[in-house]
């Protein structure tokens, strides 16, 4: 496991797309922070790595930190969100 600090910026928020697992603000920030080919975010899990197909393997997924999960819910519901930083342990 490696510790990755993920900084969600105002630019990530501006460019992010609602309900898009690989294009939401957190996925954009995770992609940049992890330095991987792909990033995936859903309501309870996230992954960064390289995989074939639509979804990452279970072994690549990690639980989403509570503040990140709350951010995703707020963003997808159209509520105002602010830049923030969180830490995640990735395989």
PDB file of N, CA and C in Angstrom:
ATOM      1  N   UNK A   1       0.853  -1.184   0.000  1.00  0.00           N
ATOM      2  CA  UNK A   1       0.000   0.000   0.000  1.00  0.00           C
ATOM      3  C   UNK A   1       0.894   1.241   0.000  1.00  0.00           C
ATOM      4  N   UNK A   2       0.387   2.272  -0.622  1.00  0.00           N
ATOM      5  CA  UNK A   2       1.110   3.547  -0.610  1.00  0.00           C
ATOM      6  C   UNK A   2       0.127   4.656  -0.251  1.00  0.00           C
ATOM      7  N   UNK A   3       0.630   5.632   0.479  1.00  0.00           N
ATOM      8  CA  UNK A   3      -0.192   6.767   0.883  1.00  0.00           C
ATOM      9  C   UNK A   3      -0.145   7.832  -0.196  1.00  0.00           C
ATOM     10  N   UNK A   4      -1.323   8.283  -0.611  1.00  0.00           N
ATOM     11  CA  UNK A   4      -1.427   9.316  -1.636  1.00  0.00           C
ATOM     12  C   UNK A   4      -2.243  10.480  -1.075  1.00  0.00           C
ATOM     13  N   UNK A   5      -1.689  11.678  -1.181  1.00  0.00           N
ATOM     14  CA  UNK A   5      -2.404  12.892  -0.785  1.00  0.00           C
ATOM     15  C   UNK A   5      -3.101  13.412  -2.035  1.00  0.00           C
ATOM     16  N   UNK A   6      -4.423  13.547  -1.961  1.00  0.00           N
ATOM     17  CA  UNK A   6      -5.236  13.964  -3.092  1.00  0.00           C
ATOM     18  C   UNK A   6      -5.746  15.376  -2.834  1.00  0.00           C
ATOM     19  N   UNK A   7      -5.380  16.304  -3.708  1.00  0.00           N
ATOM     20  CA  UNK A   7      -5.817  17.684  -3.591  1.00  0.00           C
ATOM     21  C   UNK A   7      -6.838  17.973  -4.685  1.00  0.00           C
ATOM     22  N   UNK A   8      -8.089  18.143  -4.284  1.00  0.00           N
ATOM     23  CA  UNK A   8      -9.162  18.482  -5.213  1.00  0.00           C
ATOM     24  C   UNK A   8      -9.163  20.006  -5.350  1.00  0.00           C
ATOM     25  N   UNK A   9      -8.866  20.479  -6.547  1.00  0.00           N
ATOM     26  CA  UNK A   9      -8.729  21.918  -6.785  1.00  0.00           C
ATOM     27  C   UNK A   9     -10.011  22.518  -7.357  1.00  0.00           C
ATOM     28  N   UNK A  10     -10.038  23.851  -7.400  1.00  0.00           N
ATOM     29  CA  UNK A  10     -11.162  24.554  -8.031  1.00  0.00           C
ATOM     30  C   UNK A  10     -11.264  24.161  -9.503  1.00  0.00           C
ATOM     31  N   UNK A  11     -10.134  23.944 -10.157  1.00  0.00           N
ATOM     32  CA  UNK A  11     -10.145  23.526 -11.563  1.00  0.00           C
ATOM     33  C   UNK A  11     -10.752  22.128 -11.715  1.00  0.00           C
ATOM     34  N   UNK A  12     -10.445  21.220 -10.789  1.00  0.00           N
ATOM     35  CA  UNK A  12     -11.054  19.885 -10.825  1.00  0.00           C
ATOM     36  C   UNK A  12     -12.572  20.002 -10.714  1.00  0.00           C
ATOM     37  N   UNK A  13     -13.026  20.861  -9.817  1.00  0.00           N
ATOM     38  CA  UNK A  13     -14.463  21.055  -9.610  1.00  0.00           C
ATOM     39  C   UNK A  13     -15.105  21.642 -10.862  1.00  0.00           C
ATOM     40  N   UNK A  14     -14.455  22.618 -11.455  1.00  0.00           N
ATOM     41  CA  UNK A  14     -14.989  23.261 -12.655  1.00  0.00           C
ATOM     42  C   UNK A  14     -15.085  22.287 -13.830  1.00  0.00           C
ATOM     43  N   UNK A  15     -14.063  21.466 -13.994  1.00  0.00           N
ATOM     44  CA  UNK A  15     -14.015  20.542 -15.138  1.00  0.00           C
ATOM     45  C   UNK A  15     -14.725  19.219 -14.877  1.00  0.00           C
ATOM     46  N   UNK A  16     -14.991  18.898 -13.612  1.00  0.00           N
ATOM     47  CA  UNK A  16     -15.599  17.614 -13.264  1.00  0.00           C
ATOM     48  C   UNK A  16     -17.004  17.470 -13.808  1.00  0.00           C
ATOM     49  N   UNK A  17     -17.390  16.206 -14.001  1.00  0.00           N
ATOM     50  CA  UNK A  17     -18.721  15.891 -14.525  1.00  0.00           C
ATOM     51  C   UNK A  17     -19.509  15.090 -13.496  1.00  0.00           C
ATOM     52  N   UNK A  18     -20.749  15.491 -13.276  1.00  0.00           N
ATOM     53  CA  UNK A  18     -21.619  14.805 -12.323  1.00  0.00           C
ATOM     54  C   UNK A  18     -21.851  13.366 -12.758  1.00  0.00           C
ATOM     55  N   UNK A  19     -21.872  12.477 -11.756  1.00  0.00           N
ATOM     56  CA  UNK A  19     -22.205  11.067 -11.932  1.00  0.00           C
ATOM     57  C   UNK A  19     -21.353  10.360 -12.980  1.00  0.00           C
ATOM     58  N   UNK A  20     -20.109  10.791 -13.127  1.00  0.00           N
ATOM     59  CA  UNK A  20     -19.157  10.149 -14.051  1.00  0.00           C
ATOM     60  C   UNK A  20     -17.999   9.590 -13.224  1.00  0.00           C
ATOM     61  N   UNK A  21     -17.919   8.288 -13.133  1.00  0.00           N
ATOM     62  CA  UNK A  21     -16.940   7.610 -12.265  1.00  0.00           C
ATOM     63  C   UNK A  21     -15.488   7.958 -12.565  1.00  0.00           C
ATOM     64  N   UNK A  22     -15.184   8.280 -13.820  1.00  0.00           N
ATOM     65  CA  UNK A  22     -13.796   8.581 -14.180  1.00  0.00           C
ATOM     66  C   UNK A  22     -13.579  10.053 -14.512  1.00  0.00           C
ATOM     67  N   UNK A  23     -14.635  10.886 -14.367  1.00  0.00           N
ATOM     68  CA  UNK A  23     -14.477  12.296 -14.711  1.00  0.00           C
ATOM     69  C   UNK A  23     -15.037  13.253 -13.669  1.00  0.00           C
ATOM     70  N   UNK A  24     -15.342  12.749 -12.483  1.00  0.00           N
ATOM     71  CA  UNK A  24     -15.787  13.645 -11.411  1.00  0.00           C
ATOM     72  C   UNK A  24     -14.553  14.368 -10.856  1.00  0.00           C
ATOM     73  N   UNK A  25     -14.730  15.428 -10.084  1.00  0.00           N
ATOM     74  CA  UNK A  25     -13.567  16.162  -9.563  1.00  0.00           C
ATOM     75  C   UNK A  25     -12.589  15.296  -8.771  1.00  0.00           C
ATOM     76  N   UNK A  26     -13.105  14.374  -7.967  1.00  0.00           N
ATOM     77  CA  UNK A  26     -12.203  13.530  -7.179  1.00  0.00           C
ATOM     78  C   UNK A  26     -11.438  12.576  -8.079  1.00  0.00           C
ATOM     79  N   UNK A  27     -12.072  12.027  -9.101  1.00  0.00           N
ATOM     80  CA  UNK A  27     -11.360  11.149 -10.039  1.00  0.00           C
ATOM     81  C   UNK A  27     -10.254  11.921 -10.757  1.00  0.00           C
ATOM     82  N   UNK A  28     -10.535  13.158 -11.153  1.00  0.00           N
ATOM     83  CA  UNK A  28      -9.513  13.987 -11.813  1.00  0.00           C
ATOM     84  C   UNK A  28      -8.329  14.228 -10.877  1.00  0.00           C
ATOM     85  N   UNK A  29      -8.618  14.560  -9.629  1.00  0.00           N
ATOM     86  CA  UNK A  29      -7.558  14.816  -8.652  1.00  0.00           C
ATOM     87  C   UNK A  29      -6.799  13.537  -8.313  1.00  0.00           C
ATOM     88  N   UNK A  30      -7.504  12.424  -8.171  1.00  0.00           N
ATOM     89  CA  UNK A  30      -6.876  11.142  -7.864  1.00  0.00           C
ATOM     90  C   UNK A  30      -5.959  10.710  -9.003  1.00  0.00           C
ATOM     91  N   UNK A  31      -6.395  10.895 -10.225  1.00  0.00           N
ATOM     92  CA  UNK A  31      -5.582  10.559 -11.395  1.00  0.00           C
ATOM     93  C   UNK A  31      -4.256  11.314 -11.360  1.00  0.00           C
ATOM     94  N   UNK A  32      -4.342  12.591 -11.105  1.00  0.00           N
ATOM     95  CA  UNK A  32      -3.144  13.436 -11.048  1.00  0.00           C
ATOM     96  C   UNK A  32      -2.252  13.048  -9.865  1.00  0.00           C
ATOM     97  N   UNK A  33      -2.835  12.852  -8.704  1.00  0.00           N
ATOM     98  CA  UNK A  33      -2.071  12.573  -7.483  1.00  0.00           C
ATOM     99  C   UNK A  33      -1.434  11.192  -7.494  1.00  0.00           C
ATOM    100  N   UNK A  34      -2.138  10.212  -8.027  1.00  0.00           N
ATOM    101  CA  UNK A  34      -1.626   8.839  -8.024  1.00  0.00           C
ATOM    102  C   UNK A  34      -0.663   8.589  -9.170  1.00  0.00           C
ATOM    103  N   UNK A  35      -0.746   9.422 -10.220  1.00  0.00           N
ATOM    104  CA  UNK A  35       0.145   9.253 -11.362  1.00  0.00           C
ATOM    105  C   UNK A  35      -0.106   7.964 -12.117  1.00  0.00           C
ATOM    106  N   UNK A  36      -1.366   7.575 -12.223  1.00  0.00           N
ATOM    107  CA  UNK A  36      -1.738   6.339 -12.903  1.00  0.00           C
ATOM    108  C   UNK A  36      -2.482   6.632 -14.200  1.00  0.00           C
ATOM    109  N   UNK A  37      -2.726   5.574 -14.955  1.00  0.00           N
ATOM    110  CA  UNK A  37      -3.410   5.719 -16.238  1.00  0.00           C
ATOM    111  C   UNK A  37      -4.903   5.993 -16.080  1.00  0.00           C
ATOM    112  N   UNK A  38      -5.493   5.463 -15.007  1.00  0.00           N
ATOM    113  CA  UNK A  38      -6.935   5.626 -14.801  1.00  0.00           C
ATOM    114  C   UNK A  38      -7.242   5.837 -13.326  1.00  0.00           C
ATOM    115  N   UNK A  39      -8.374   6.488 -13.090  1.00  0.00           N
ATOM    116  CA  UNK A  39      -8.892   6.643 -11.729  1.00  0.00           C
ATOM    117  C   UNK A  39     -10.395   6.421 -11.780  1.00  0.00           C
ATOM    118  N   UNK A  40     -10.941   5.845 -10.715  1.00  0.00           N
ATOM    119  CA  UNK A  40     -12.346   5.476 -10.648  1.00  0.00           C
ATOM    120  C   UNK A  40     -12.880   5.867  -9.284  1.00  0.00           C
ATOM    121  N   UNK A  41     -14.065   6.447  -9.251  1.00  0.00           N
ATOM    122  CA  UNK A  41     -14.692   6.859  -7.996  1.00  0.00           C
ATOM    123  C   UNK A  41     -16.173   6.525  -8.059  1.00  0.00           C
ATOM    124  N   UNK A  42     -16.684   5.876  -7.020  1.00  0.00           N
ATOM    125  CA  UNK A  42     -18.132   5.739  -6.893  1.00  0.00           C
ATOM    126  C   UNK A  42     -18.512   6.154  -5.481  1.00  0.00           C
ATOM    127  N   UNK A  43     -19.719   5.913  -5.075  1.00  0.00           N
ATOM    128  CA  UNK A  43     -20.173   6.417  -3.786  1.00  0.00           C
ATOM    129  C   UNK A  43     -19.461   5.881  -2.566  1.00  0.00           C
ATOM    130  N   UNK A  44     -18.804   4.707  -2.698  1.00  0.00           N
ATOM    131  CA  UNK A  44     -18.174   4.122  -1.523  1.00  0.00           C
ATOM    132  C   UNK A  44     -16.744   3.628  -1.750  1.00  0.00           C
ATOM    133  N   UNK A  45     -16.308   3.583  -3.018  1.00  0.00           N
ATOM    134  CA  UNK A  45     -14.979   3.068  -3.328  1.00  0.00           C
ATOM    135  C   UNK A  45     -14.268   3.954  -4.346  1.00  0.00           C
ATOM    136  N   UNK A  46     -12.936   3.801  -4.384  1.00  0.00           N
ATOM    137  CA  UNK A  46     -12.147   4.480  -5.402  1.00  0.00           C
ATOM    138  C   UNK A  46     -10.996   3.570  -5.789  1.00  0.00           C
ATOM    139  N   UNK A  47     -10.434   3.827  -6.972  1.00  0.00           N
ATOM    140  CA  UNK A  47      -9.290   3.044  -7.441  1.00  0.00           C
ATOM    141  C   UNK A  47      -8.451   3.917  -8.349  1.00  0.00           C
ATOM    142  N   UNK A  48      -7.166   3.610  -8.380  1.00  0.00           N
ATOM    143  CA  UNK A  48      -6.248   4.259  -9.309  1.00  0.00           C
ATOM    144  C   UNK A  48      -5.312   3.180  -9.816  1.00  0.00           C
ATOM    145  N   UNK A  49      -5.141   3.118 -11.122  1.00  0.00           N
ATOM    146  CA  UNK A  49      -4.273   2.091 -11.680  1.00  0.00           C
ATOM    147  C   UNK A  49      -4.443   1.985 -13.174  1.00  0.00           C
ATOM    148  N   UNK A  50      -4.313   0.771 -13.666  1.00  0.00           N
ATOM    149  CA  UNK A  50      -4.429   0.486 -15.086  1.00  0.00           C
ATOM    150  C   UNK A  50      -5.237  -0.795 -15.219  1.00  0.00           C
ATOM    151  N   UNK A  51      -6.389  -0.724 -15.844  1.00  0.00           N
ATOM    152  CA  UNK A  51      -7.227  -1.910 -16.008  1.00  0.00           C
ATOM    153  C   UNK A  51      -7.925  -1.864 -17.349  1.00  0.00           C
ATOM    154  N   UNK A  52      -8.343  -3.024 -17.791  1.00  0.00           N
ATOM    155  CA  UNK A  52      -9.103  -3.161 -19.031  1.00  0.00           C
ATOM    156  C   UNK A  52     -10.589  -3.075 -18.695  1.00  0.00           C
ATOM    157  N   UNK A  53     -11.379  -2.612 -19.615  1.00  0.00           N
ATOM    158  CA  UNK A  53     -12.820  -2.589 -19.414  1.00  0.00           C
ATOM    159  C   UNK A  53     -13.286  -1.386 -18.625  1.00  0.00           C
ATOM    160  N   UNK A  54     -14.550  -1.456 -18.224  1.00  0.00           N
ATOM    161  CA  UNK A  54     -15.189  -0.308 -17.600  1.00  0.00           C
ATOM    162  C   UNK A  54     -14.800  -0.114 -16.137  1.00  0.00           C
ATOM    163  N   UNK A  55     -14.696  -1.203 -15.377  1.00  0.00           N
ATOM    164  CA  UNK A  55     -14.499  -1.090 -13.936  1.00  0.00           C
ATOM    165  C   UNK A  55     -13.183  -1.719 -13.481  1.00  0.00           C
ATOM    166  N   UNK A  56     -12.563  -1.152 -12.450  1.00  0.00           N
ATOM    167  CA  UNK A  56     -11.333  -1.742 -11.908  1.00  0.00           C
ATOM    168  C   UNK A  56     -11.630  -3.035 -11.164  1.00  0.00           C
ATOM    169  N   UNK A  57     -10.623  -3.886 -11.071  1.00  0.00           N
ATOM    170  CA  UNK A  57     -10.754  -5.126 -10.308  1.00  0.00           C
ATOM    171  C   UNK A  57     -10.979  -4.798  -8.839  1.00  0.00           C
ATOM    172  N   UNK A  58     -11.629  -5.701  -8.154  1.00  0.00           N
ATOM    173  CA  UNK A  58     -11.917  -5.524  -6.725  1.00  0.00           C
ATOM    174  C   UNK A  58     -10.628  -5.271  -5.942  1.00  0.00           C
ATOM    175  N   UNK A  59      -9.534  -5.946  -6.298  1.00  0.00           N
ATOM    176  CA  UNK A  59      -8.274  -5.803  -5.569  1.00  0.00           C
ATOM    177  C   UNK A  59      -7.691  -4.397  -5.672  1.00  0.00           C
ATOM    178  N   UNK A  60      -8.087  -3.631  -6.678  1.00  0.00           N
ATOM    179  CA  UNK A  60      -7.573  -2.273  -6.846  1.00  0.00           C
ATOM    180  C   UNK A  60      -8.418  -1.238  -6.102  1.00  0.00           C
ATOM    181  N   UNK A  61      -9.589  -1.624  -5.649  1.00  0.00           N
ATOM    182  CA  UNK A  61     -10.512  -0.687  -5.012  1.00  0.00           C
ATOM    183  C   UNK A  61     -10.218  -0.540  -3.522  1.00  0.00           C
ATOM    184  N   UNK A  62     -10.391   0.672  -3.029  1.00  0.00           N
ATOM    185  CA  UNK A  62     -10.246   0.951  -1.603  1.00  0.00           C
ATOM    186  C   UNK A  62     -11.460   1.757  -1.151  1.00  0.00           C
ATOM    187  N   UNK A  63     -11.800   1.674   0.131  1.00  0.00           N
ATOM    188  CA  UNK A  63     -12.925   2.467   0.629  1.00  0.00           C
ATOM    189  C   UNK A  63     -12.656   3.963   0.458  1.00  0.00           C
ATOM    190  N   UNK A  64     -13.695   4.681   0.102  1.00  0.00           N
ATOM    191  CA  UNK A  64     -13.569   6.123  -0.038  1.00  0.00           C
ATOM    192  C   UNK A  64     -13.638   6.772   1.350  1.00  0.00           C
ATOM    193  N   UNK A  65     -12.723   7.691   1.656  1.00  0.00           N
ATOM    194  CA  UNK A  65     -12.810   8.390   2.944  1.00  0.00           C
ATOM    195  C   UNK A  65     -14.162   9.104   3.072  1.00  0.00           C
ATOM    196  N   UNK A  66     -14.710   9.191   4.292  1.00  0.00           N
ATOM    197  CA  UNK A  66     -16.030   9.806   4.480  1.00  0.00           C
ATOM    198  C   UNK A  66     -16.161  11.217   3.901  1.00  0.00           C
ATOM    199  N   UNK A  67     -15.129  12.064   4.056  1.00  0.00           N
ATOM    200  CA  UNK A  67     -15.252  13.423   3.528  1.00  0.00           C
ATOM    201  C   UNK A  67     -15.277  13.424   2.004  1.00  0.00           C
ATOM    202  N   UNK A  68     -14.580  12.487   1.374  1.00  0.00           N
ATOM    203  CA  UNK A  68     -14.607  12.386  -0.086  1.00  0.00           C
ATOM    204  C   UNK A  68     -15.962  11.866  -0.565  1.00  0.00           C
ATOM    205  N   UNK A  69     -16.524  10.896   0.155  1.00  0.00           N
ATOM    206  CA  UNK A  69     -17.844  10.368  -0.205  1.00  0.00           C
ATOM    207  C   UNK A  69     -18.911  11.457  -0.083  1.00  0.00           C
ATOM    208  N   UNK A  70     -18.811  12.268   0.949  1.00  0.00           N
ATOM    209  CA  UNK A  70     -19.755  13.380   1.134  1.00  0.00           C
ATOM    210  C   UNK A  70     -19.607  14.401   0.005  1.00  0.00           C
ATOM    211  N   UNK A  71     -18.371  14.683  -0.385  1.00  0.00           N
ATOM    212  CA  UNK A  71     -18.110  15.603  -1.488  1.00  0.00           C
ATOM    213  C   UNK A  71     -18.776  15.088  -2.770  1.00  0.00           C
ATOM    214  N   UNK A  72     -18.602  13.804  -3.083  1.00  0.00           N
ATOM    215  CA  UNK A  72     -19.188  13.226  -4.297  1.00  0.00           C
ATOM    216  C   UNK A  72     -20.710  13.368  -4.270  1.00  0.00           C
ATOM    217  N   UNK A  73     -21.318  13.041  -3.141  1.00  0.00           N
ATOM    218  CA  UNK A  73     -22.777  13.152  -3.027  1.00  0.00           C
ATOM    219  C   UNK A  73     -23.224  14.590  -3.234  1.00  0.00           C
ATOM    220  N   UNK A  74     -22.547  15.522  -2.614  1.00  0.00           N
ATOM    221  CA  UNK A  74     -22.907  16.941  -2.763  1.00  0.00           C
ATOM    222  C   UNK A  74     -22.729  17.397  -4.209  1.00  0.00           C
ATOM    223  N   UNK A  75     -21.597  17.045  -4.819  1.00  0.00           N
ATOM    224  CA  UNK A  75     -21.326  17.447  -6.198  1.00  0.00           C
ATOM    225  C   UNK A  75     -22.380  16.876  -7.144  1.00  0.00           C
ATOM    226  N   UNK A  76     -22.678  15.592  -7.000  1.00  0.00           N
ATOM    227  CA  UNK A  76     -23.665  14.956  -7.879  1.00  0.00           C
ATOM    228  C   UNK A  76     -25.060  15.531  -7.706  1.00  0.00           C
ATOM    229  N   UNK A  77     -25.360  16.042  -6.504  1.00  0.00           N
ATOM    230  CA  UNK A  77     -26.680  16.635  -6.245  1.00  0.00           C
ATOM    231  C   UNK A  77     -26.735  18.124  -6.613  1.00  0.00           C
ATOM    232  N   UNK A  78     -25.620  18.669  -7.088  1.00  0.00           N
ATOM    233  CA  UNK A  78     -25.602  20.062  -7.511  1.00  0.00           C
ATOM    234  C   UNK A  78     -25.384  21.067  -6.394  1.00  0.00           C
ATOM    235  N   UNK A  79     -24.990  20.580  -5.225  1.00  0.00           N
ATOM    236  CA  UNK A  79     -24.707  21.493  -4.120  1.00  0.00           C
ATOM    237  C   UNK A  79     -23.321  22.122  -4.310  1.00  0.00           C
ATOM    238  N   UNK A  80     -23.102  23.240  -3.688  1.00  0.00           N
ATOM    239  CA  UNK A  80     -21.813  23.934  -3.782  1.00  0.00           C
ATOM    240  C   UNK A  80     -20.760  23.139  -3.023  1.00  0.00           C
ATOM    241  N   UNK A  81     -19.635  22.906  -3.671  1.00  0.00           N
ATOM    242  CA  UNK A  81     -18.517  22.206  -3.043  1.00  0.00           C
ATOM    243  C   UNK A  81     -17.275  23.078  -3.146  1.00  0.00           C
ATOM    244  N   UNK A  82     -16.352  22.859  -2.253  1.00  0.00           N
ATOM    245  CA  UNK A  82     -15.120  23.649  -2.182  1.00  0.00           C
ATOM    246  C   UNK A  82     -13.911  22.736  -2.352  1.00  0.00           C
ATOM    247  N   UNK A  83     -12.792  23.289  -2.795  1.00  0.00           N
ATOM    248  CA  UNK A  83     -11.557  22.505  -2.858  1.00  0.00           C
ATOM    249  C   UNK A  83     -11.211  21.944  -1.471  1.00  0.00           C
ATOM    250  N   UNK A  84     -10.615  20.767  -1.455  1.00  0.00           N
ATOM    251  CA  UNK A  84     -10.183  20.158  -0.195  1.00  0.00           C
ATOM    252  C   UNK A  84      -9.121  19.112  -0.497  1.00  0.00           C
ATOM    253  N   UNK A  85      -8.508  18.615   0.554  1.00  0.00           N
ATOM    254  CA  UNK A  85      -7.449  17.616   0.442  1.00  0.00           C
ATOM    255  C   UNK A  85      -7.767  16.447   1.356  1.00  0.00           C
ATOM    256  N   UNK A  86      -7.457  15.240   0.883  1.00  0.00           N
ATOM    257  CA  UNK A  86      -7.624  14.058   1.715  1.00  0.00           C
ATOM    258  C   UNK A  86      -6.485  13.077   1.406  1.00  0.00           C
ATOM    259  N   UNK A  87      -6.319  12.112   2.278  1.00  0.00           N
ATOM    260  CA  UNK A  87      -5.283  11.092   2.117  1.00  0.00           C
ATOM    261  C   UNK A  87      -5.945   9.738   1.960  1.00  0.00           C
ATOM    262  N   UNK A  88      -5.392   8.915   1.065  1.00  0.00           N
ATOM    263  CA  UNK A  88      -5.928   7.584   0.837  1.00  0.00           C
ATOM    264  C   UNK A  88      -4.778   6.595   0.681  1.00  0.00           C
ATOM    265  N   UNK A  89      -4.985   5.376   1.135  1.00  0.00           N
ATOM    266  CA  UNK A  89      -4.017   4.291   0.968  1.00  0.00           C
ATOM    267  C   UNK A  89      -4.408   3.486  -0.264  1.00  0.00           C
ATOM    268  N   UNK A  90      -3.525   3.452  -1.260  1.00  0.00           N
ATOM    269  CA  UNK A  90      -3.793   2.730  -2.496  1.00  0.00           C
ATOM    270  C   UNK A  90      -2.899   1.505  -2.607  1.00  0.00           C
ATOM    271  N   UNK A  91      -3.412   0.435  -3.222  1.00  0.00           N
ATOM    272  CA  UNK A  91      -2.580  -0.761  -3.414  1.00  0.00           C
ATOM    273  C   UNK A  91      -1.470  -0.499  -4.429  1.00  0.00           C
TER     274      UNK A  91
END
